[in-house]
C-alpha cells in the first residue's frame, strides 16, 4: 500500500487553496483566541482523496474555513496505518496533513497506544507476546509513525483510553486485559507507558504528548487515576505534555460542572489541557428529529465544554469537535442516538455552532500556552 502520490498531494493543495478564501462572515477559527486551536476530526481516506481538486466540495470548504486544527479520525489508528507487520499505509494520514498545510491548519495525531481498532495481526500475534516482543512492536510503530510527521503534528494522543471506567468490574484500573501491549507488560504497565512517551518524544521533540480518554471531563475516579498517573510519569522523567478529555457526551446523562477544576489541576502540573473529541448525542423520537429542548440543551453543553477549557486560560491548547456534520458522525453507527454534531447533514449550522462562536468571540485573547516541563519548544 503506497503513500499519497505527488499528484494527489498537489490536488489536495489546490483544493485547500480554494477552501482558504477569506470567509464573508466570522468563523470558529477566526473568532478563537489566538493561541487556541479549534479543530475537527476528518477521515482522510473517505473525505480528502476522491474529490475534484479544482472544485472542492462544500464539506472541504467548511473544513478549511472553520477550523485551525485537524485530527485524523481513523487514518492514524493501527488498523489503517499499520495493517500488516511490515506494511505501513500513510495514504489517509498524508491526505489530512496535506490538506492542513494547504489551509494553514495544524494536525493533532491520534492515536499511538489504544485497545481499539488494532490490526488483526496485532490481535493474533499478541496472544503469545512476551513483554519485550510487545515493546519492540510498539517502539517500531511509534518511531515510524511519529517520525514520518516530525515537525508537522503539534499534539499527539500517545496513550488513549488506558483506564477502564469505575462502573466496570474492579473499578478504575489500567486496561491490562483489553490492551494487548499493556497485557503483555502487565507486570510493569506504567514503565511501558513512560517509554511510549519517550519514543514519541525522541521521534519528534516538538510535539506535545497527551494522555486522552472519555468520561474524563470532570473530577471523578477515572480522572483521579489519570492525575496520579501523570504525577508518576512526570516524576519518572517521562515527556508527558498534556491531558485530553474527549468530550463525548449524551443528553441521556447528567453534566459534570467540574471541568475547569479538573483541567486546572492538570495545568498546575505544567501540562496543557484540551477537549479532543467533542460531540453531544441524544436519543431521537420515531421521526428521527430532536425536540426544541434537546437542541437548546445540546448547545448549552457544547458551550460549557468549551468554556471549561477556556477558564483554564493559556493551558487550554485546543478544542476539537469529532466531526462537524451529522452525515459523517460516528454516533449512529455505535449508539442508538444521533444529531450529535454542530451542523446538520446539509451543513446547516445548529444552535450548538452559534453557542461556540459566541463563546469564542467573547473570550479574552491569550498569550502562548505554558510549556510542559522537560520539553524544549
Protein backbone atom coordinates (compact mmCIF):
# COMPACT_ATOMS: atom_id res chain seq x y z
CA UNK A 1 0.00 0.00 0.00
CA UNK A 2 1.57 3.25 -1.13
CA UNK A 3 1.52 6.72 0.35
CA UNK A 4 -0.37 9.55 -1.34
CA UNK A 5 1.14 10.29 -4.76
CA UNK A 6 2.73 13.62 -5.62
CA UNK A 7 -0.15 14.40 -7.98
CA UNK A 8 -2.69 13.65 -5.26
CA UNK A 9 -0.87 15.93 -2.83
CA UNK A 10 -0.82 18.68 -5.43
CA UNK A 11 -4.53 18.18 -5.99
CA UNK A 12 -5.21 18.47 -2.30
CA UNK A 13 -3.13 21.62 -2.10
CA UNK A 14 -5.21 23.17 -4.91
CA UNK A 15 -8.38 22.16 -3.13
CA UNK A 16 -7.06 23.61 0.10
CA UNK A 17 -6.11 26.89 -1.55
CA UNK A 18 -9.64 27.26 -2.81
CA UNK A 19 -11.08 26.44 0.60
CA UNK A 20 -8.88 29.02 2.32
CA UNK A 21 -10.61 32.02 0.75
CA UNK A 22 -11.42 34.69 3.33
CA UNK A 23 -14.84 33.98 4.83
CA UNK A 24 -17.56 36.55 4.36
CA UNK A 25 -18.63 36.19 7.99
CA UNK A 26 -16.96 35.16 11.26
CA UNK A 27 -15.92 31.53 11.61
CA UNK A 28 -14.93 29.44 14.60
CA UNK A 29 -11.25 29.74 13.71
CA UNK A 30 -11.41 33.49 13.04
CA UNK A 31 -13.05 34.21 16.41
CA UNK A 32 -10.91 31.92 18.58
CA UNK A 33 -8.27 33.37 20.93
CA UNK A 34 -5.04 33.40 19.00
CA UNK A 35 -3.42 30.50 20.87
CA UNK A 36 -6.47 28.22 20.97
CA UNK A 37 -6.74 25.74 18.12
CA UNK A 38 -10.31 24.98 17.03
CA UNK A 39 -10.36 21.55 15.44
CA UNK A 40 -12.44 18.93 13.71
CA UNK A 41 -11.90 15.25 13.12
CA UNK A 42 -11.78 14.18 9.49
CA UNK A 43 -11.35 10.82 7.80
CA UNK A 44 -8.79 11.41 5.07
CA UNK A 45 -9.41 8.18 3.16
CA UNK A 46 -13.12 8.94 2.94
CA UNK A 47 -13.23 12.73 2.64
CA UNK A 48 -9.98 14.05 1.18
CA UNK A 49 -8.79 11.67 -1.53
CA UNK A 50 -11.54 11.29 -4.11
CA UNK A 51 -12.64 14.84 -4.85
CA UNK A 52 -12.08 17.14 -7.82
CA UNK A 53 -9.20 19.39 -6.72
CA UNK A 54 -10.43 22.30 -8.84
CA UNK A 55 -13.91 22.10 -7.34
CA UNK A 56 -13.64 21.37 -3.62
CA UNK A 57 -16.80 20.04 -2.08
CA UNK A 58 -18.84 22.10 0.34
CA UNK A 59 -17.54 19.81 3.07
CA UNK A 60 -13.93 20.60 2.17
CA UNK A 61 -14.62 24.32 2.03
CA UNK A 62 -16.16 24.30 5.51
CA UNK A 63 -13.39 22.12 6.88
CA UNK A 64 -10.78 24.56 5.60
CA UNK A 65 -12.52 27.76 6.63
CA UNK A 66 -14.00 26.93 10.05
CA UNK A 67 -11.13 25.06 11.72
CA UNK A 68 -7.49 25.72 12.51
CA UNK A 69 -6.69 22.12 13.50
CA UNK A 70 -7.50 18.68 12.09
CA UNK A 71 -7.45 15.27 13.76
CA UNK A 72 -7.35 12.14 11.58
CA UNK A 73 -10.44 10.34 12.84
CA UNK A 74 -9.19 6.90 11.77
CA UNK A 75 -6.22 7.32 9.43
CA UNK A 76 -3.52 7.06 12.12
CA UNK A 77 -5.08 4.19 14.05
CA UNK A 78 -3.28 0.86 13.82
CA UNK A 79 -5.82 -0.92 11.60
CA UNK A 80 -5.42 1.69 8.87
CA UNK A 81 -1.85 2.93 9.19
CA UNK A 82 -0.14 -0.38 10.09
CA UNK A 83 -2.31 -3.14 8.56
CA UNK A 84 0.45 -5.79 8.33
CA UNK A 85 3.62 -6.40 10.40
CA UNK A 86 5.96 -4.88 7.80
CA UNK A 87 3.43 -2.67 5.97
CA UNK A 88 2.54 0.95 6.70
CA UNK A 89 -0.18 2.75 4.74
CA UNK A 90 0.12 6.51 5.15
CA UNK A 91 -2.24 7.48 2.34
CA UNK A 92 -5.10 8.71 4.52
CA UNK A 93 -2.86 10.38 7.06
CA UNK A 94 -0.83 12.05 4.32
CA UNK A 95 -4.06 13.41 2.84
CA UNK A 96 -5.03 15.01 6.15
CA UNK A 97 -1.59 16.56 6.62
CA UNK A 98 -1.53 17.85 3.04
CA UNK A 99 -4.97 19.42 3.34
CA UNK A 100 -4.00 21.02 6.65
CA UNK A 101 -0.84 22.51 5.15
CA UNK A 102 -2.80 23.96 2.24
CA UNK A 103 -5.27 25.59 4.63
CA UNK A 104 -2.86 26.96 7.22
CA UNK A 105 -4.05 24.38 9.75
CA UNK A 106 -2.24 22.20 12.27
CA UNK A 107 -2.74 18.49 12.96
CA UNK A 108 -3.37 16.51 16.16
CA UNK A 109 -2.05 12.96 15.88
CA UNK A 110 -4.46 10.23 17.03
CA UNK A 111 -3.57 7.64 18.37
CA UNK A 112 -0.47 5.53 19.16
CA UNK A 113 -1.47 3.19 22.00
CA UNK A 114 -5.09 2.08 22.28
CA UNK A 115 -7.08 -1.09 22.93
CA UNK A 116 -9.42 -0.39 20.00
CA UNK A 117 -9.11 -0.60 16.20
CA UNK A 118 -5.90 -2.59 16.32
CA UNK A 119 -4.78 -4.51 13.23
CA UNK A 120 -5.82 -8.15 13.08
CA UNK A 121 -2.18 -9.19 13.06
CA UNK A 122 -1.67 -7.39 16.39
CA UNK A 123 -4.71 -9.11 17.87
CA UNK A 124 -3.50 -12.52 16.66
CA UNK A 125 0.19 -12.16 17.49
CA UNK A 126 -0.29 -10.55 20.90
CA UNK A 127 -1.73 -13.75 22.36
CA UNK A 128 1.82 -15.11 22.56
CA UNK A 129 3.84 -11.92 23.07
CA UNK A 130 6.42 -11.55 25.77
CA UNK A 131 6.71 -8.05 27.19
CA UNK A 132 9.89 -7.46 25.18
CA UNK A 133 8.18 -8.52 21.96
CA UNK A 134 5.29 -6.14 22.67
CA UNK A 135 7.73 -3.34 23.44
CA UNK A 136 9.63 -3.94 20.20
CA UNK A 137 6.45 -3.81 18.10
CA UNK A 138 5.17 -0.69 19.85
CA UNK A 139 8.51 1.11 19.65
CA UNK A 140 8.81 0.45 15.92
CA UNK A 141 5.28 1.71 15.35
CA UNK A 142 5.68 4.88 17.39
CA UNK A 143 9.07 5.81 15.96
CA UNK A 144 7.89 5.13 12.41
CA UNK A 145 4.57 6.98 12.56
CA UNK A 146 5.64 9.92 14.71
CA UNK A 147 8.93 10.22 12.86
CA UNK A 148 7.20 10.43 9.48
CA UNK A 149 5.32 13.53 10.60
CA UNK A 150 8.02 15.12 12.76
CA UNK A 151 7.55 18.87 12.75
CA UNK A 152 4.09 18.56 11.17
CA UNK A 153 1.98 17.47 14.14
CA UNK A 154 1.66 19.76 17.16
CA UNK A 155 -0.02 17.33 19.58
CA UNK A 156 -0.14 13.53 19.79
CA UNK A 157 -2.57 11.35 21.71
CA UNK A 158 0.09 8.87 22.80
CA UNK A 159 -1.95 6.81 25.28
CA UNK A 160 -5.69 6.62 24.63
CA UNK A 161 -8.33 5.17 26.96
CA UNK A 162 -5.85 3.22 29.06
CA UNK A 163 -8.10 3.22 32.14
CA UNK A 164 -11.43 1.44 32.30
CA UNK A 165 -14.39 3.13 33.95
CA UNK A 166 -15.18 2.71 37.62
CA UNK A 167 -18.51 1.08 36.83
CA UNK A 168 -16.67 -1.80 35.17
CA UNK A 169 -15.78 -4.83 37.29
CA UNK A 170 -12.99 -3.99 39.68
CA UNK A 171 -13.28 -0.21 39.46
CA UNK A 172 -10.83 2.12 37.75
CA UNK A 173 -7.70 0.30 36.67
CA UNK A 174 -5.39 0.09 33.69
CA UNK A 175 -6.75 -1.93 30.76
CA UNK A 176 -4.22 -4.73 31.12
CA UNK A 177 -6.69 -7.21 29.65
CA UNK A 178 -8.14 -5.32 26.67
CA UNK A 179 -4.97 -3.51 25.59
CA UNK A 180 -2.59 -6.08 24.03
CA UNK A 181 0.55 -4.08 24.83
CA UNK A 182 -0.37 -3.39 28.44
CA UNK A 183 -1.43 -7.02 28.82
CA UNK A 184 1.93 -8.33 27.63
CA UNK A 185 3.67 -5.96 30.05
CA UNK A 186 1.17 -6.32 32.89
CA UNK A 187 3.97 -6.59 35.45
CA UNK A 188 5.08 -3.02 34.65
CA UNK A 189 2.48 -1.24 32.50
CA UNK A 190 3.47 2.21 33.76
CA UNK A 191 7.03 1.56 32.65
CA UNK A 192 5.76 0.76 29.17
CA UNK A 193 3.65 3.92 29.12
CA UNK A 194 6.62 6.04 30.12
CA UNK A 195 8.72 4.56 27.34
CA UNK A 196 5.93 5.12 24.81
CA UNK A 197 6.11 8.83 25.62
CA UNK A 198 9.92 8.75 25.41
CA UNK A 199 9.89 7.05 21.99
CA UNK A 200 7.40 9.58 20.67
CA UNK A 201 9.40 12.49 22.06
CA UNK A 202 12.62 11.18 20.55
CA UNK A 203 10.86 10.83 17.18
CA UNK A 204 9.53 14.41 17.36
CA UNK A 205 10.83 16.59 20.20
CA UNK A 206 8.50 19.45 19.23
CA UNK A 207 5.16 17.64 19.57
CA UNK A 208 3.22 17.91 22.84
CA UNK A 209 2.32 14.41 24.03
CA UNK A 210 -1.07 13.66 25.59
CA UNK A 211 -2.96 11.20 27.72
CA UNK A 212 -6.54 11.08 26.35
CA UNK A 213 -9.82 9.48 27.47
CA UNK A 214 -13.62 9.69 27.60
CA UNK A 215 -15.54 10.27 30.83
CA UNK A 216 -12.58 12.45 31.76
CA UNK A 217 -14.11 15.90 31.71
CA UNK A 218 -14.73 16.49 35.43
CA UNK A 219 -13.23 15.30 38.69
CA UNK A 220 -14.13 11.64 39.18
CA UNK A 221 -12.47 8.32 39.96
CA UNK A 222 -11.08 7.96 36.45
CA UNK A 223 -9.54 11.43 36.33
CA UNK A 224 -8.16 10.92 39.84
CA UNK A 225 -6.37 7.87 38.43
CA UNK A 226 -5.07 9.90 35.49
CA UNK A 227 -3.91 12.66 37.81
CA UNK A 228 -1.95 10.15 39.90
CA UNK A 229 -0.51 8.56 36.75
CA UNK A 230 0.50 11.94 35.35
CA UNK A 231 2.40 12.76 38.52
CA UNK A 232 4.15 9.38 38.44
CA UNK A 233 5.14 9.75 34.78
CA UNK A 234 6.45 13.28 35.30
CA UNK A 235 8.37 12.22 38.41
CA UNK A 236 9.99 9.49 36.32
CA UNK A 237 11.05 11.98 33.68
CA UNK A 238 8.56 10.91 31.00
CA UNK A 239 7.92 13.75 28.49
CA UNK A 240 4.19 13.92 29.17
CA UNK A 241 2.90 17.27 27.93
CA UNK A 242 -0.88 17.23 28.08
CA UNK A 243 -4.16 15.76 29.26
CA UNK A 244 -7.14 15.47 26.92
CA UNK A 245 -10.79 14.97 27.79
CA UNK A 246 -12.64 13.62 24.77
CA UNK A 247 -15.97 15.26 25.50
CA UNK A 248 -18.24 12.56 24.05
CA UNK A 249 -21.48 13.49 25.85
CA UNK A 250 -25.07 12.26 25.77
CA UNK A 251 -28.23 14.06 26.83
CA UNK A 252 -29.30 10.81 28.49
CA UNK A 253 -26.89 11.57 31.30
CA UNK A 254 -26.10 14.48 33.58
CA UNK A 255 -23.39 17.04 33.02
CA UNK A 256 -20.30 17.36 35.21
CA UNK A 257 -19.73 21.02 36.12
CA UNK A 258 -16.19 20.45 37.44
CA UNK A 259 -14.44 20.62 34.06
CA UNK A 260 -12.41 23.74 34.82
CA UNK A 261 -11.38 22.46 38.25
CA UNK A 262 -10.28 19.17 36.75
CA UNK A 263 -8.31 20.86 33.96
CA UNK A 264 -6.77 23.30 36.42
CA UNK A 265 -5.17 20.55 38.50
CA UNK A 266 -3.52 19.08 35.39
CA UNK A 267 -2.42 22.56 34.31
CA UNK A 268 -0.87 23.03 37.74
CA UNK A 269 1.36 20.05 36.92
CA UNK A 270 2.66 22.05 33.96
CA UNK A 271 0.51 20.21 31.42
CA UNK A 272 -1.56 21.57 28.59
CA UNK A 273 -5.21 20.52 28.54
CA UNK A 274 -7.65 20.07 25.67
CA UNK A 275 -11.12 18.93 24.71
CA UNK A 276 -10.20 16.48 21.98
CA UNK A 277 -13.33 14.76 20.57
CA UNK A 278 -16.42 16.78 21.45
CA UNK A 279 -19.91 15.78 20.39
CA UNK A 280 -23.26 15.76 22.18
CA UNK A 281 -25.58 12.93 21.11
CA UNK A 282 -29.20 12.36 22.06
CA UNK A 283 -32.00 9.79 21.74
CA UNK A 284 -34.38 10.74 18.94
CA UNK A 285 -38.08 10.15 18.51
CA UNK A 286 -39.73 7.93 15.92
CA UNK A 287 -39.47 10.75 13.38
CA UNK A 288 -35.69 10.89 13.88
CA UNK A 289 -35.86 14.54 14.93
CA UNK A 290 -34.72 16.19 18.18
CA UNK A 291 -37.02 18.31 20.32
CA UNK A 292 -36.59 22.05 20.77
CA UNK A 293 -35.49 21.38 24.35
CA UNK A 294 -32.86 18.86 23.24
CA UNK A 295 -31.43 21.28 20.69
CA UNK A 296 -31.11 24.00 23.32
CA UNK A 297 -29.54 21.64 25.87
CA UNK A 298 -27.06 20.38 23.28
CA UNK A 299 -25.93 23.94 22.57
CA UNK A 300 -25.52 24.59 26.29
CA UNK A 301 -23.32 21.51 26.77
CA UNK A 302 -21.08 22.26 23.81
CA UNK A 303 -20.63 25.75 25.21
CA UNK A 304 -19.90 24.54 28.73
CA UNK A 305 -17.26 22.13 27.42
CA UNK A 306 -15.56 25.00 25.62
CA UNK A 307 -15.83 27.45 28.49
CA UNK A 308 -14.48 24.85 30.92
CA UNK A 309 -11.33 24.74 28.82
CA UNK A 310 -11.19 28.50 28.25
CA UNK A 311 -11.49 29.09 32.00
CA UNK A 312 -8.07 27.47 32.46
CA UNK A 313 -6.51 30.18 30.31
CA UNK A 314 -3.35 29.62 28.26
CA UNK A 315 -3.05 25.99 29.36
CA UNK A 316 -6.07 25.16 27.17
CA UNK A 317 -4.42 24.43 23.83
CA UNK A 318 -7.24 23.08 21.65
CA UNK A 319 -10.95 22.35 21.39
CA UNK A 320 -11.83 19.73 18.78
CA UNK A 321 -15.25 18.54 17.61
CA UNK A 322 -15.45 14.92 16.48
CA UNK A 323 -16.65 15.80 13.02
CA UNK A 324 -18.84 18.81 12.32
CA UNK A 325 -21.76 17.39 10.33
CA UNK A 326 -24.27 14.66 11.14
CA UNK A 327 -23.72 12.85 7.85
CA UNK A 328 -20.21 11.84 8.92
CA UNK A 329 -20.79 11.39 12.65
CA UNK A 330 -19.70 8.10 14.18
CA UNK A 331 -22.55 8.22 16.70
CA UNK A 332 -25.46 6.49 14.90
CA UNK A 333 -23.22 3.58 13.98
CA UNK A 334 -22.22 2.99 17.61
CA UNK A 335 -25.08 4.32 19.76
CA UNK A 336 -28.87 4.29 19.26
CA UNK A 337 -28.70 8.09 19.27
CA UNK A 338 -27.96 10.90 16.83
CA UNK A 339 -27.92 14.64 15.99
CA UNK A 340 -24.54 14.80 17.74
CA UNK A 341 -22.57 17.41 15.79
CA UNK A 342 -22.72 21.19 15.29
CA UNK A 343 -24.13 21.07 11.74
CA UNK A 344 -26.86 19.06 10.04
CA UNK A 345 -26.30 16.68 7.13
CA UNK A 346 -26.95 19.64 4.83
CA UNK A 347 -24.34 21.76 6.73
CA UNK A 348 -26.97 23.94 8.38
CA UNK A 349 -25.43 25.50 11.48
CA UNK A 350 -27.17 24.38 14.66
CA UNK A 351 -27.59 26.49 17.82
CA UNK A 352 -24.60 24.49 19.14
CA UNK A 353 -22.40 26.07 16.45
CA UNK A 354 -23.62 29.56 17.29
CA UNK A 355 -23.09 28.94 21.01
CA UNK A 356 -19.44 28.02 20.35
CA UNK A 357 -19.00 31.04 18.08
CA UNK A 358 -20.41 33.35 20.75
CA UNK A 359 -18.10 31.96 23.45
CA UNK A 360 -15.07 32.29 21.20
CA UNK A 361 -15.98 35.85 20.26
CA UNK A 362 -16.33 36.78 23.93
CA UNK A 363 -13.10 35.04 25.01
CA UNK A 364 -10.12 37.13 26.02
CA UNK A 365 -7.10 36.80 23.69
CA UNK A 366 -4.33 34.86 25.39
CA UNK A 367 -0.59 34.51 25.28
CA UNK A 368 1.38 31.40 24.42
CA UNK A 369 0.38 28.21 26.29
CA UNK A 370 2.57 27.05 29.14
CA UNK A 371 5.48 24.89 28.05
CA UNK A 372 5.25 21.43 29.67
CA UNK A 373 8.21 20.54 31.87
CA UNK A 374 11.12 18.87 30.15
CA UNK A 375 10.12 19.97 26.65
CA UNK A 376 12.13 22.39 24.55
CA UNK A 377 9.78 24.08 22.13
